[in-house]
Amino acid sequence: MLTGACLCGDVTFEVDGDLIEIAHCHCSVCRKFHGSAYASFGAVDPKIFRWTLGADEIVHYQSSEHGFRHFCPRCGSGVPANPEGGSVALVTMGSVAEDPGIRPTLHIFAGSKAPWH
């Protein structure tokens, strides 16, 4: 089992099973939202993902035509995306406490990577 939390601990979650894969996203939206060269996400079957605290408090922001960003209203940490009816939940890997047992295998939107990276 994997557990995770935002910086302040107001939003927590569990993954009761294995991640499908981990990817680093280099798109400009992820870079700006996470304040880093890329964002790391773990894909997981939504059936094994569960919020354990603060799900009703999560703030949602539509960052593009295609996507939303989700974050803790208190500390601003990005938190996982678990779209209702979606085929995959995206876990923000920086918020995971344990070693997931797999390593990143994908770099997506690498053509948009930061010019200094």
PDB file of N, CA and C in Angstrom:
ATOM      1  N   MET A   1       0.835  -1.179   0.000  1.00  0.00           N
ATOM      2  CA  MET A   1       0.000   0.000   0.000  1.00  0.00           C
ATOM      3  C   MET A   1       0.883   1.247   0.000  1.00  0.00           C
ATOM      4  N   LEU A   2       0.468   2.231  -0.785  1.00  0.00           N
ATOM      5  CA  LEU A   2       1.136   3.525  -0.802  1.00  0.00           C
ATOM      6  C   LEU A   2       0.251   4.541  -0.100  1.00  0.00           C
ATOM      7  N   THR A   3       0.871   5.456   0.618  1.00  0.00           N
ATOM      8  CA  THR A   3       0.138   6.550   1.241  1.00  0.00           C
ATOM      9  C   THR A   3       0.769   7.855   0.798  1.00  0.00           C
ATOM     10  N   GLY A   4      -0.014   8.917   0.876  1.00  0.00           N
ATOM     11  CA  GLY A   4       0.513  10.210   0.500  1.00  0.00           C
ATOM     12  C   GLY A   4      -0.274  11.330   1.129  1.00  0.00           C
ATOM     13  N   ALA A   5       0.325  12.518   1.102  1.00  0.00           N
ATOM     14  CA  ALA A   5      -0.308  13.688   1.700  1.00  0.00           C
ATOM     15  C   ALA A   5       0.237  14.958   1.073  1.00  0.00           C
ATOM     16  N   CYS A   6      -0.539  16.019   1.223  1.00  0.00           N
ATOM     17  CA  CYS A   6      -0.056  17.340   0.849  1.00  0.00           C
ATOM     18  C   CYS A   6       0.937  17.805   1.914  1.00  0.00           C
ATOM     19  N   LEU A   7       1.525  18.953   1.740  1.00  0.00           N
ATOM     20  CA  LEU A   7       2.543  19.459   2.658  1.00  0.00           C
ATOM     21  C   LEU A   7       2.019  19.630   4.082  1.00  0.00           C
ATOM     22  N   CYS A   8       0.812  20.158   4.241  1.00  0.00           N
ATOM     23  CA  CYS A   8       0.280  20.411   5.584  1.00  0.00           C
ATOM     24  C   CYS A   8      -0.424  19.201   6.186  1.00  0.00           C
ATOM     25  N   GLY A   9      -0.716  18.182   5.373  1.00  0.00           N
ATOM     26  CA  GLY A   9      -1.372  16.974   5.867  1.00  0.00           C
ATOM     27  C   GLY A   9      -2.884  17.033   5.905  1.00  0.00           C
ATOM     28  N   ASP A  10      -3.477  18.117   5.398  1.00  0.00           N
ATOM     29  CA  ASP A  10      -4.941  18.224   5.393  1.00  0.00           C
ATOM     30  C   ASP A  10      -5.601  17.329   4.350  1.00  0.00           C
ATOM     31  N   VAL A  11      -4.857  16.960   3.306  1.00  0.00           N
ATOM     32  CA  VAL A  11      -5.369  16.069   2.259  1.00  0.00           C
ATOM     33  C   VAL A  11      -4.469  14.835   2.222  1.00  0.00           C
ATOM     34  N   THR A  12      -5.072  13.657   2.399  1.00  0.00           N
ATOM     35  CA  THR A  12      -4.307  12.412   2.383  1.00  0.00           C
ATOM     36  C   THR A  12      -5.010  11.378   1.513  1.00  0.00           C
ATOM     37  N   PHE A  13      -4.237  10.384   1.075  1.00  0.00           N
ATOM     38  CA  PHE A  13      -4.789   9.347   0.205  1.00  0.00           C
ATOM     39  C   PHE A  13      -4.036   8.046   0.387  1.00  0.00           C
ATOM     40  N   GLU A  14      -4.622   6.981  -0.152  1.00  0.00           N
ATOM     41  CA  GLU A  14      -4.003   5.652  -0.174  1.00  0.00           C
ATOM     42  C   GLU A  14      -4.173   5.037  -1.548  1.00  0.00           C
ATOM     43  N   VAL A  15      -3.209   4.225  -1.923  1.00  0.00           N
ATOM     44  CA  VAL A  15      -3.289   3.403  -3.125  1.00  0.00           C
ATOM     45  C   VAL A  15      -3.085   1.970  -2.656  1.00  0.00           C
ATOM     46  N   ASP A  16      -4.127   1.168  -2.790  1.00  0.00           N
ATOM     47  CA  ASP A  16      -4.082  -0.214  -2.300  1.00  0.00           C
ATOM     48  C   ASP A  16      -3.769  -1.166  -3.450  1.00  0.00           C
ATOM     49  N   GLY A  17      -2.540  -1.067  -3.955  1.00  0.00           N
ATOM     50  CA  GLY A  17      -2.105  -1.894  -5.079  1.00  0.00           C
ATOM     51  C   GLY A  17      -0.937  -1.237  -5.778  1.00  0.00           C
ATOM     52  N   ASP A  18      -0.637  -1.730  -6.955  1.00  0.00           N
ATOM     53  CA  ASP A  18       0.538  -1.276  -7.696  1.00  0.00           C
ATOM     54  C   ASP A  18       0.210  -0.160  -8.675  1.00  0.00           C
ATOM     55  N   LEU A  19       1.171   0.736  -8.855  1.00  0.00           N
ATOM     56  CA  LEU A  19       1.067   1.736  -9.908  1.00  0.00           C
ATOM     57  C   LEU A  19       1.240   1.043 -11.256  1.00  0.00           C
ATOM     58  N   ILE A  20       0.602   1.583 -12.275  1.00  0.00           N
ATOM     59  CA  ILE A  20       0.731   1.050 -13.632  1.00  0.00           C
ATOM     60  C   ILE A  20       2.063   1.496 -14.229  1.00  0.00           C
ATOM     61  N   GLU A  21       2.359   2.802 -14.090  1.00  0.00           N
ATOM     62  CA  GLU A  21       3.610   3.364 -14.585  1.00  0.00           C
ATOM     63  C   GLU A  21       3.803   4.737 -13.965  1.00  0.00           C
ATOM     64  N   ILE A  22       5.008   5.250 -14.085  1.00  0.00           N
ATOM     65  CA  ILE A  22       5.324   6.608 -13.636  1.00  0.00           C
ATOM     66  C   ILE A  22       5.872   7.374 -14.833  1.00  0.00           C
ATOM     67  N   ALA A  23       5.394   8.615 -14.986  1.00  0.00           N
ATOM     68  CA  ALA A  23       5.842   9.465 -16.090  1.00  0.00           C
ATOM     69  C   ALA A  23       6.252  10.832 -15.561  1.00  0.00           C
ATOM     70  N   HIS A  24       7.219  11.437 -16.245  1.00  0.00           N
ATOM     71  CA  HIS A  24       7.595  12.825 -15.993  1.00  0.00           C
ATOM     72  C   HIS A  24       6.965  13.654 -17.113  1.00  0.00           C
ATOM     73  N   CYS A  25       6.167  14.658 -16.745  1.00  0.00           N
ATOM     74  CA  CYS A  25       5.542  15.530 -17.740  1.00  0.00           C
ATOM     75  C   CYS A  25       6.291  16.856 -17.789  1.00  0.00           C
ATOM     76  N   HIS A  26       6.731  17.227 -18.986  1.00  0.00           N
ATOM     77  CA  HIS A  26       7.515  18.441 -19.186  1.00  0.00           C
ATOM     78  C   HIS A  26       6.686  19.584 -19.774  1.00  0.00           C
ATOM     79  N   CYS A  27       5.361  19.452 -19.846  1.00  0.00           N
ATOM     80  CA  CYS A  27       4.543  20.517 -20.443  1.00  0.00           C
ATOM     81  C   CYS A  27       4.633  21.786 -19.600  1.00  0.00           C
ATOM     82  N   SER A  28       4.374  22.926 -20.215  1.00  0.00           N
ATOM     83  CA  SER A  28       4.514  24.201 -19.507  1.00  0.00           C
ATOM     84  C   SER A  28       3.514  24.331 -18.363  1.00  0.00           C
ATOM     85  N   VAL A  29       2.341  23.758 -18.497  1.00  0.00           N
ATOM     86  CA  VAL A  29       1.344  23.843 -17.422  1.00  0.00           C
ATOM     87  C   VAL A  29       1.836  23.083 -16.191  1.00  0.00           C
ATOM     88  N   CYS A  30       2.327  21.878 -16.373  1.00  0.00           N
ATOM     89  CA  CYS A  30       2.861  21.107 -15.241  1.00  0.00           C
ATOM     90  C   CYS A  30       4.063  21.810 -14.619  1.00  0.00           C
ATOM     91  N   ARG A  31       4.948  22.348 -15.463  1.00  0.00           N
ATOM     92  CA  ARG A  31       6.127  23.034 -14.933  1.00  0.00           C
ATOM     93  C   ARG A  31       5.724  24.227 -14.075  1.00  0.00           C
ATOM     94  N   LYS A  32       4.762  25.000 -14.551  1.00  0.00           N
ATOM     95  CA  LYS A  32       4.324  26.171 -13.789  1.00  0.00           C
ATOM     96  C   LYS A  32       3.587  25.768 -12.514  1.00  0.00           C
ATOM     97  N   PHE A  33       2.713  24.790 -12.606  1.00  0.00           N
ATOM     98  CA  PHE A  33       1.931  24.377 -11.435  1.00  0.00           C
ATOM     99  C   PHE A  33       2.817  23.797 -10.339  1.00  0.00           C
ATOM    100  N   HIS A  34       3.793  22.991 -10.727  1.00  0.00           N
ATOM    101  CA  HIS A  34       4.642  22.322  -9.747  1.00  0.00           C
ATOM    102  C   HIS A  34       5.912  23.114  -9.415  1.00  0.00           C
ATOM    103  N   GLY A  35       6.179  24.187 -10.178  1.00  0.00           N
ATOM    104  CA  GLY A  35       7.352  25.013  -9.899  1.00  0.00           C
ATOM    105  C   GLY A  35       8.662  24.277 -10.085  1.00  0.00           C
ATOM    106  N   SER A  36       8.695  23.379 -11.068  1.00  0.00           N
ATOM    107  CA  SER A  36       9.896  22.574 -11.285  1.00  0.00           C
ATOM    108  C   SER A  36      10.073  22.271 -12.768  1.00  0.00           C
ATOM    109  N   ALA A  37      11.135  21.561 -13.097  1.00  0.00           N
ATOM    110  CA  ALA A  37      11.436  21.237 -14.489  1.00  0.00           C
ATOM    111  C   ALA A  37      10.403  20.302 -15.103  1.00  0.00           C
ATOM    112  N   TYR A  38       9.772  19.497 -14.285  1.00  0.00           N
ATOM    113  CA  TYR A  38       8.734  18.577 -14.749  1.00  0.00           C
ATOM    114  C   TYR A  38       7.927  18.106 -13.548  1.00  0.00           C
ATOM    115  N   ALA A  39       6.797  17.503 -13.833  1.00  0.00           N
ATOM    116  CA  ALA A  39       5.956  16.919 -12.784  1.00  0.00           C
ATOM    117  C   ALA A  39       5.977  15.408 -12.955  1.00  0.00           C
ATOM    118  N   SER A  40       6.003  14.704 -11.851  1.00  0.00           N
ATOM    119  CA  SER A  40       6.023  13.238 -11.885  1.00  0.00           C
ATOM    120  C   SER A  40       4.681  12.706 -11.414  1.00  0.00           C
ATOM    121  N   PHE A  41       4.075  11.880 -12.259  1.00  0.00           N
ATOM    122  CA  PHE A  41       2.766  11.301 -11.962  1.00  0.00           C
ATOM    123  C   PHE A  41       2.832   9.785 -12.048  1.00  0.00           C
ATOM    124  N   GLY A  42       2.139   9.129 -11.155  1.00  0.00           N
ATOM    125  CA  GLY A  42       1.980   7.681 -11.209  1.00  0.00           C
ATOM    126  C   GLY A  42       0.564   7.351 -11.622  1.00  0.00           C
ATOM    127  N   ALA A  43       0.423   6.550 -12.654  1.00  0.00           N
ATOM    128  CA  ALA A  43      -0.901   6.129 -13.112  1.00  0.00           C
ATOM    129  C   ALA A  43      -1.347   4.924 -12.299  1.00  0.00           C
ATOM    130  N   VAL A  44      -2.619   4.943 -11.904  1.00  0.00           N
ATOM    131  CA  VAL A  44      -3.155   3.864 -11.083  1.00  0.00           C
ATOM    132  C   VAL A  44      -4.622   3.635 -11.438  1.00  0.00           C
ATOM    133  N   ASP A  45      -5.055   2.408 -11.298  1.00  0.00           N
ATOM    134  CA  ASP A  45      -6.468   2.082 -11.480  1.00  0.00           C
ATOM    135  C   ASP A  45      -7.265   2.836 -10.418  1.00  0.00           C
ATOM    136  N   PRO A  46      -8.263   3.635 -10.808  1.00  0.00           N
ATOM    137  CA  PRO A  46      -9.017   4.408  -9.822  1.00  0.00           C
ATOM    138  C   PRO A  46      -9.725   3.556  -8.767  1.00  0.00           C
ATOM    139  N   LYS A  47      -9.929   2.297  -9.057  1.00  0.00           N
ATOM    140  CA  LYS A  47     -10.603   1.419  -8.090  1.00  0.00           C
ATOM    141  C   LYS A  47      -9.743   1.160  -6.857  1.00  0.00           C
ATOM    142  N   ILE A  48      -8.429   1.353  -6.971  1.00  0.00           N
ATOM    143  CA  ILE A  48      -7.563   1.097  -5.817  1.00  0.00           C
ATOM    144  C   ILE A  48      -7.032   2.393  -5.192  1.00  0.00           C
ATOM    145  N   PHE A  49      -7.539   3.531  -5.668  1.00  0.00           N
ATOM    146  CA  PHE A  49      -7.182   4.832  -5.104  1.00  0.00           C
ATOM    147  C   PHE A  49      -8.299   5.292  -4.179  1.00  0.00           C
ATOM    148  N   ARG A  50      -7.912   5.866  -3.030  1.00  0.00           N
ATOM    149  CA  ARG A  50      -8.945   6.366  -2.126  1.00  0.00           C
ATOM    150  C   ARG A  50      -8.418   7.549  -1.318  1.00  0.00           C
ATOM    151  N   TRP A  51      -9.268   8.569  -1.213  1.00  0.00           N
ATOM    152  CA  TRP A  51      -8.971   9.700  -0.344  1.00  0.00           C
ATOM    153  C   TRP A  51      -9.200   9.263   1.093  1.00  0.00           C
ATOM    154  N   THR A  52      -8.308   9.620   2.004  1.00  0.00           N
ATOM    155  CA  THR A  52      -8.485   9.275   3.414  1.00  0.00           C
ATOM    156  C   THR A  52      -8.752  10.503   4.277  1.00  0.00           C
ATOM    157  N   LEU A  53      -8.489  11.683   3.750  1.00  0.00           N
ATOM    158  CA  LEU A  53      -8.752  12.916   4.487  1.00  0.00           C
ATOM    159  C   LEU A  53      -8.792  14.091   3.518  1.00  0.00           C
ATOM    160  N   GLY A  54      -9.757  14.971   3.701  1.00  0.00           N
ATOM    161  CA  GLY A  54      -9.778  16.243   2.999  1.00  0.00           C
ATOM    162  C   GLY A  54     -10.283  16.264   1.576  1.00  0.00           C
ATOM    163  N   ALA A  55     -10.866  15.194   1.090  1.00  0.00           N
ATOM    164  CA  ALA A  55     -11.320  15.154  -0.310  1.00  0.00           C
ATOM    165  C   ALA A  55     -12.316  16.266  -0.624  1.00  0.00           C
ATOM    166  N   ASP A  56     -13.176  16.591   0.328  1.00  0.00           N
ATOM    167  CA  ASP A  56     -14.193  17.625   0.102  1.00  0.00           C
ATOM    168  C   ASP A  56     -13.615  19.035   0.098  1.00  0.00           C
ATOM    169  N   GLU A  57     -12.380  19.171   0.533  1.00  0.00           N
ATOM    170  CA  GLU A  57     -11.750  20.490   0.616  1.00  0.00           C
ATOM    171  C   GLU A  57     -10.889  20.817  -0.599  1.00  0.00           C
ATOM    172  N   ILE A  58     -10.597  19.837  -1.431  1.00  0.00           N
ATOM    173  CA  ILE A  58      -9.690  20.029  -2.568  1.00  0.00           C
ATOM    174  C   ILE A  58     -10.233  21.097  -3.516  1.00  0.00           C
ATOM    175  N   VAL A  59      -9.347  21.982  -3.944  1.00  0.00           N
ATOM    176  CA  VAL A  59      -9.689  23.031  -4.900  1.00  0.00           C
ATOM    177  C   VAL A  59      -9.341  22.528  -6.297  1.00  0.00           C
ATOM    178  N   HIS A  60     -10.226  22.801  -7.253  1.00  0.00           N
ATOM    179  CA  HIS A  60     -10.038  22.367  -8.641  1.00  0.00           C
ATOM    180  C   HIS A  60      -9.928  23.610  -9.522  1.00  0.00           C
ATOM    181  N   TYR A  61      -8.941  23.609 -10.398  1.00  0.00           N
ATOM    182  CA  TYR A  61      -8.711  24.729 -11.304  1.00  0.00           C
ATOM    183  C   TYR A  61      -8.551  24.183 -12.713  1.00  0.00           C
ATOM    184  N   GLN A  62      -9.350  24.703 -13.653  1.00  0.00           N
ATOM    185  CA  GLN A  62      -9.222  24.251 -15.038  1.00  0.00           C
ATOM    186  C   GLN A  62      -8.061  24.998 -15.674  1.00  0.00           C
ATOM    187  N   SER A  63      -6.955  24.295 -15.847  1.00  0.00           N
ATOM    188  CA  SER A  63      -5.715  24.903 -16.330  1.00  0.00           C
ATOM    189  C   SER A  63      -5.596  24.929 -17.849  1.00  0.00           C
ATOM    190  N   SER A  64      -6.418  24.161 -18.520  1.00  0.00           N
ATOM    191  CA  SER A  64      -6.407  24.133 -19.985  1.00  0.00           C
ATOM    192  C   SER A  64      -7.732  23.553 -20.457  1.00  0.00           C
ATOM    193  N   GLU A  65      -7.905  23.528 -21.760  1.00  0.00           N
ATOM    194  CA  GLU A  65      -9.109  22.916 -22.334  1.00  0.00           C
ATOM    195  C   GLU A  65      -9.268  21.467 -21.904  1.00  0.00           C
ATOM    196  N   HIS A  66      -8.133  20.813 -21.697  1.00  0.00           N
ATOM    197  CA  HIS A  66      -8.138  19.372 -21.478  1.00  0.00           C
ATOM    198  C   HIS A  66      -7.930  18.945 -20.039  1.00  0.00           C
ATOM    199  N   GLY A  67      -7.516  19.859 -19.174  1.00  0.00           N
ATOM    200  CA  GLY A  67      -7.142  19.371 -17.858  1.00  0.00           C
ATOM    201  C   GLY A  67      -7.456  20.290 -16.704  1.00  0.00           C
ATOM    202  N   PHE A  68      -7.513  19.682 -15.552  1.00  0.00           N
ATOM    203  CA  PHE A  68      -7.722  20.384 -14.293  1.00  0.00           C
ATOM    204  C   PHE A  68      -6.516  20.163 -13.399  1.00  0.00           C
ATOM    205  N   ARG A  69      -6.275  21.079 -12.512  1.00  0.00           N
ATOM    206  CA  ARG A  69      -5.266  20.952 -11.467  1.00  0.00           C
ATOM    207  C   ARG A  69      -6.019  20.885 -10.149  1.00  0.00           C
ATOM    208  N   HIS A  70      -5.496  20.109  -9.234  1.00  0.00           N
ATOM    209  CA  HIS A  70      -6.152  19.890  -7.953  1.00  0.00           C
ATOM    210  C   HIS A  70      -5.138  20.201  -6.867  1.00  0.00           C
ATOM    211  N   PHE A  71      -5.560  20.963  -5.856  1.00  0.00           N
ATOM    212  CA  PHE A  71      -4.604  21.323  -4.821  1.00  0.00           C
ATOM    213  C   PHE A  71      -5.275  21.553  -3.478  1.00  0.00           C
ATOM    214  N   CYS A  72      -4.466  21.462  -2.446  1.00  0.00           N
ATOM    215  CA  CYS A  72      -4.915  21.695  -1.079  1.00  0.00           C
ATOM    216  C   CYS A  72      -5.154  23.193  -0.892  1.00  0.00           C
ATOM    217  N   PRO A  73      -6.304  23.578  -0.325  1.00  0.00           N
ATOM    218  CA  PRO A  73      -6.575  25.001  -0.147  1.00  0.00           C
ATOM    219  C   PRO A  73      -5.726  25.657   0.941  1.00  0.00           C
ATOM    220  N   ARG A  74      -5.183  24.872   1.834  1.00  0.00           N
ATOM    221  CA  ARG A  74      -4.388  25.437   2.928  1.00  0.00           C
ATOM    222  C   ARG A  74      -2.932  25.663   2.527  1.00  0.00           C
ATOM    223  N   CYS A  75      -2.268  24.625   2.004  1.00  0.00           N
ATOM    224  CA  CYS A  75      -0.834  24.748   1.707  1.00  0.00           C
ATOM    225  C   CYS A  75      -0.531  24.920   0.221  1.00  0.00           C
ATOM    226  N   GLY A  76      -1.511  24.676  -0.644  1.00  0.00           N
ATOM    227  CA  GLY A  76      -1.313  24.853  -2.081  1.00  0.00           C
ATOM    228  C   GLY A  76      -0.656  23.688  -2.796  1.00  0.00           C
ATOM    229  N   SER A  77      -0.344  22.621  -2.074  1.00  0.00           N
ATOM    230  CA  SER A  77       0.289  21.452  -2.708  1.00  0.00           C
ATOM    231  C   SER A  77      -0.620  20.840  -3.760  1.00  0.00           C
ATOM    232  N   GLY A  78      -0.021  20.463  -4.888  1.00  0.00           N
ATOM    233  CA  GLY A  78      -0.758  19.701  -5.879  1.00  0.00           C
ATOM    234  C   GLY A  78      -1.083  18.326  -5.315  1.00  0.00           C
ATOM    235  N   VAL A  79      -2.292  17.864  -5.559  1.00  0.00           N
ATOM    236  CA  VAL A  79      -2.717  16.550  -5.072  1.00  0.00           C
ATOM    237  C   VAL A  79      -3.186  15.708  -6.252  1.00  0.00           C
ATOM    238  N   PRO A  80      -3.346  14.405  -6.062  1.00  0.00           N
ATOM    239  CA  PRO A  80      -3.721  13.525  -7.172  1.00  0.00           C
ATOM    240  C   PRO A  80      -5.016  13.931  -7.880  1.00  0.00           C
ATOM    241  N   ALA A  81      -5.098  13.508  -9.116  1.00  0.00           N
ATOM    242  CA  ALA A  81      -6.307  13.691  -9.911  1.00  0.00           C
ATOM    243  C   ALA A  81      -6.993  12.341 -10.025  1.00  0.00           C
ATOM    244  N   ASN A  82      -8.243  12.301  -9.615  1.00  0.00           N
ATOM    245  CA  ASN A  82      -9.015  11.061  -9.694  1.00  0.00           C
ATOM    246  C   ASN A  82     -10.346  11.381 -10.357  1.00  0.00           C
ATOM    247  N   PRO A  83     -10.330  11.569 -11.683  1.00  0.00           N
ATOM    248  CA  PRO A  83     -11.550  11.972 -12.371  1.00  0.00           C
ATOM    249  C   PRO A  83     -12.641  10.919 -12.276  1.00  0.00           C
ATOM    250  N   GLU A  84     -13.847  11.369 -11.935  1.00  0.00           N
ATOM    251  CA  GLU A  84     -14.971  10.444 -11.829  1.00  0.00           C
ATOM    252  C   GLU A  84     -15.235   9.807 -13.188  1.00  0.00           C
ATOM    253  N   GLY A  85     -15.288   8.499 -13.205  1.00  0.00           N
ATOM    254  CA  GLY A  85     -15.514   7.778 -14.441  1.00  0.00           C
ATOM    255  C   GLY A  85     -14.273   7.637 -15.301  1.00  0.00           C
ATOM    256  N   GLY A  86     -13.145   8.153 -14.836  1.00  0.00           N
ATOM    257  CA  GLY A  86     -11.910   8.069 -15.608  1.00  0.00           C
ATOM    258  C   GLY A  86     -11.309   6.680 -15.567  1.00  0.00           C
ATOM    259  N   SER A  87     -10.489   6.382 -16.555  1.00  0.00           N
ATOM    260  CA  SER A  87      -9.869   5.058 -16.626  1.00  0.00           C
ATOM    261  C   SER A  87      -8.590   4.973 -15.806  1.00  0.00           C
ATOM    262  N   VAL A  88      -8.091   6.133 -15.356  1.00  0.00           N
ATOM    263  CA  VAL A  88      -6.852   6.143 -14.586  1.00  0.00           C
ATOM    264  C   VAL A  88      -6.876   7.328 -13.620  1.00  0.00           C
ATOM    265  N   ALA A  89      -6.314   7.133 -12.442  1.00  0.00           N
ATOM    266  CA  ALA A  89      -6.069   8.225 -11.504  1.00  0.00           C
ATOM    267  C   ALA A  89      -4.589   8.569 -11.608  1.00  0.00           C
ATOM    268  N   LEU A  90      -4.273   9.840 -11.452  1.00  0.00           N
ATOM    269  CA  LEU A  90      -2.884  10.290 -11.545  1.00  0.00           C
ATOM    270  C   LEU A  90      -2.409  10.749 -10.176  1.00  0.00           C
ATOM    271  N   VAL A  91      -1.472  10.010  -9.625  1.00  0.00           N
ATOM    272  CA  VAL A  91      -0.933  10.289  -8.303  1.00  0.00           C
ATOM    273  C   VAL A  91       0.267  11.222  -8.439  1.00  0.00           C
ATOM    274  N   THR A  92       0.267  12.309  -7.691  1.00  0.00           N
ATOM    275  CA  THR A  92       1.408  13.222  -7.663  1.00  0.00           C
ATOM    276  C   THR A  92       2.520  12.547  -6.864  1.00  0.00           C
ATOM    277  N   MET A  93       3.557  12.120  -7.550  1.00  0.00           N
ATOM    278  CA  MET A  93       4.576  11.274  -6.926  1.00  0.00           C
ATOM    279  C   MET A  93       5.352  11.975  -5.814  1.00  0.00           C
ATOM    280  N   GLY A  94       5.453  13.289  -5.867  1.00  0.00           N
ATOM    281  CA  GLY A  94       6.135  14.009  -4.801  1.00  0.00           C
ATOM    282  C   GLY A  94       5.419  13.931  -3.468  1.00  0.00           C
ATOM    283  N   SER A  95       4.156  13.528  -3.485  1.00  0.00           N
ATOM    284  CA  SER A  95       3.381  13.433  -2.244  1.00  0.00           C
ATOM    285  C   SER A  95       3.327  12.015  -1.679  1.00  0.00           C
ATOM    286  N   VAL A  96       3.950  11.064  -2.363  1.00  0.00           N
ATOM    287  CA  VAL A  96       3.922   9.659  -1.930  1.00  0.00           C
ATOM    288  C   VAL A  96       5.018   9.419  -0.889  1.00  0.00           C
ATOM    289  N   ALA A  97       4.656   8.754   0.204  1.00  0.00           N
ATOM    290  CA  ALA A  97       5.596   8.518   1.311  1.00  0.00           C
ATOM    291  C   ALA A  97       6.529   7.333   1.068  1.00  0.00           C
ATOM    292  N   GLU A  98       6.050   6.283   0.438  1.00  0.00           N
ATOM    293  CA  GLU A  98       6.821   5.041   0.297  1.00  0.00           C
ATOM    294  C   GLU A  98       7.459   4.920  -1.088  1.00  0.00           C
ATOM    295  N   ASP A  99       8.386   3.995  -1.198  1.00  0.00           N
ATOM    296  CA  ASP A  99       8.955   3.637  -2.497  1.00  0.00           C
ATOM    297  C   ASP A  99       7.890   2.830  -3.240  1.00  0.00           C
ATOM    298  N   PRO A 100       7.483   3.274  -4.431  1.00  0.00           N
ATOM    299  CA  PRO A 100       6.431   2.554  -5.145  1.00  0.00           C
ATOM    300  C   PRO A 100       6.884   1.238  -5.770  1.00  0.00           C
ATOM    301  N   GLY A 101       8.180   0.987  -5.775  1.00  0.00           N
ATOM    302  CA  GLY A 101       8.674  -0.269  -6.329  1.00  0.00           C
ATOM    303  C   GLY A 101       8.891  -0.259  -7.829  1.00  0.00           C
ATOM    304  N   ILE A 102       8.536   0.834  -8.498  1.00  0.00           N
ATOM    305  CA  ILE A 102       8.819   0.990  -9.928  1.00  0.00           C
ATOM    306  C   ILE A 102       9.465   2.350 -10.134  1.00  0.00           C
ATOM    307  N   ARG A 103      10.059   2.539 -11.288  1.00  0.00           N
ATOM    308  CA  ARG A 103      10.725   3.791 -11.619  1.00  0.00           C
ATOM    309  C   ARG A 103      10.072   4.404 -12.855  1.00  0.00           C
ATOM    310  N   PRO A 104      10.261   5.715 -13.058  1.00  0.00           N
ATOM    311  CA  PRO A 104       9.683   6.366 -14.232  1.00  0.00           C
ATOM    312  C   PRO A 104      10.161   5.713 -15.526  1.00  0.00           C
ATOM    313  N   THR A 105       9.227   5.557 -16.456  1.00  0.00           N
ATOM    314  CA  THR A 105       9.557   4.967 -17.753  1.00  0.00           C
ATOM    315  C   THR A 105       9.231   5.896 -18.918  1.00  0.00           C
ATOM    316  N   LEU A 106       8.530   6.984 -18.650  1.00  0.00           N
ATOM    317  CA  LEU A 106       8.106   7.887 -19.719  1.00  0.00           C
ATOM    318  C   LEU A 106       8.481   9.327 -19.418  1.00  0.00           C
ATOM    319  N   HIS A 107       8.860  10.046 -20.464  1.00  0.00           N
ATOM    320  CA  HIS A 107       8.990  11.500 -20.423  1.00  0.00           C
ATOM    321  C   HIS A 107       8.007  12.001 -21.471  1.00  0.00           C
ATOM    322  N   ILE A 108       6.960  12.711 -21.021  1.00  0.00           N
ATOM    323  CA  ILE A 108       5.958  13.191 -21.974  1.00  0.00           C
ATOM    324  C   ILE A 108       6.086  14.707 -22.150  1.00  0.00           C
ATOM    325  N   PHE A 109       5.693  15.183 -23.325  1.00  0.00           N
ATOM    326  CA  PHE A 109       5.826  16.585 -23.710  1.00  0.00           C
ATOM    327  C   PHE A 109       7.269  17.075 -23.544  1.00  0.00           C
ATOM    328  N   ALA A 110       8.210  16.204 -23.856  1.00  0.00           N
ATOM    329  CA  ALA A 110       9.630  16.544 -23.725  1.00  0.00           C
ATOM    330  C   ALA A 110      10.023  17.693 -24.660  1.00  0.00           C
ATOM    331  N   GLY A 111       9.298  17.869 -25.745  1.00  0.00           N
ATOM    332  CA  GLY A 111       9.563  18.986 -26.650  1.00  0.00           C
ATOM    333  C   GLY A 111       9.259  20.331 -26.020  1.00  0.00           C
ATOM    334  N   SER A 112       8.514  20.326 -24.921  1.00  0.00           N
ATOM    335  CA  SER A 112       8.171  21.556 -24.204  1.00  0.00           C
ATOM    336  C   SER A 112       9.022  21.753 -22.959  1.00  0.00           C
ATOM    337  N   LYS A 113      10.062  20.962 -22.817  1.00  0.00           N
ATOM    338  CA  LYS A 113      10.841  21.037 -21.576  1.00  0.00           C
ATOM    339  C   LYS A 113      11.429  22.431 -21.377  1.00  0.00           C
ATOM    340  N   ALA A 114      11.737  22.748 -20.134  1.00  0.00           N
ATOM    341  CA  ALA A 114      12.305  24.050 -19.784  1.00  0.00           C
ATOM    342  C   ALA A 114      13.616  24.253 -20.538  1.00  0.00           C
ATOM    343  N   PRO A 115      13.849  25.446 -21.073  1.00  0.00           N
ATOM    344  CA  PRO A 115      15.064  25.671 -21.849  1.00  0.00           C
ATOM    345  C   PRO A 115      16.341  25.526 -21.024  1.00  0.00           C
ATOM    346  N   TRP A 116      16.242  25.656 -19.724  1.00  0.00           N
ATOM    347  CA  TRP A 116      17.417  25.521 -18.860  1.00  0.00           C
ATOM    348  C   TRP A 116      17.656  24.090 -18.407  1.00  0.00           C
ATOM    349  N   HIS A 117      16.751  23.182 -18.768  1.00  0.00           N
ATOM    350  CA  HIS A 117      16.853  21.786 -18.312  1.00  0.00           C
ATOM    351  C   HIS A 117      17.497  20.924 -19.379  1.00  0.00           C
TER     352      HIS A 117
END
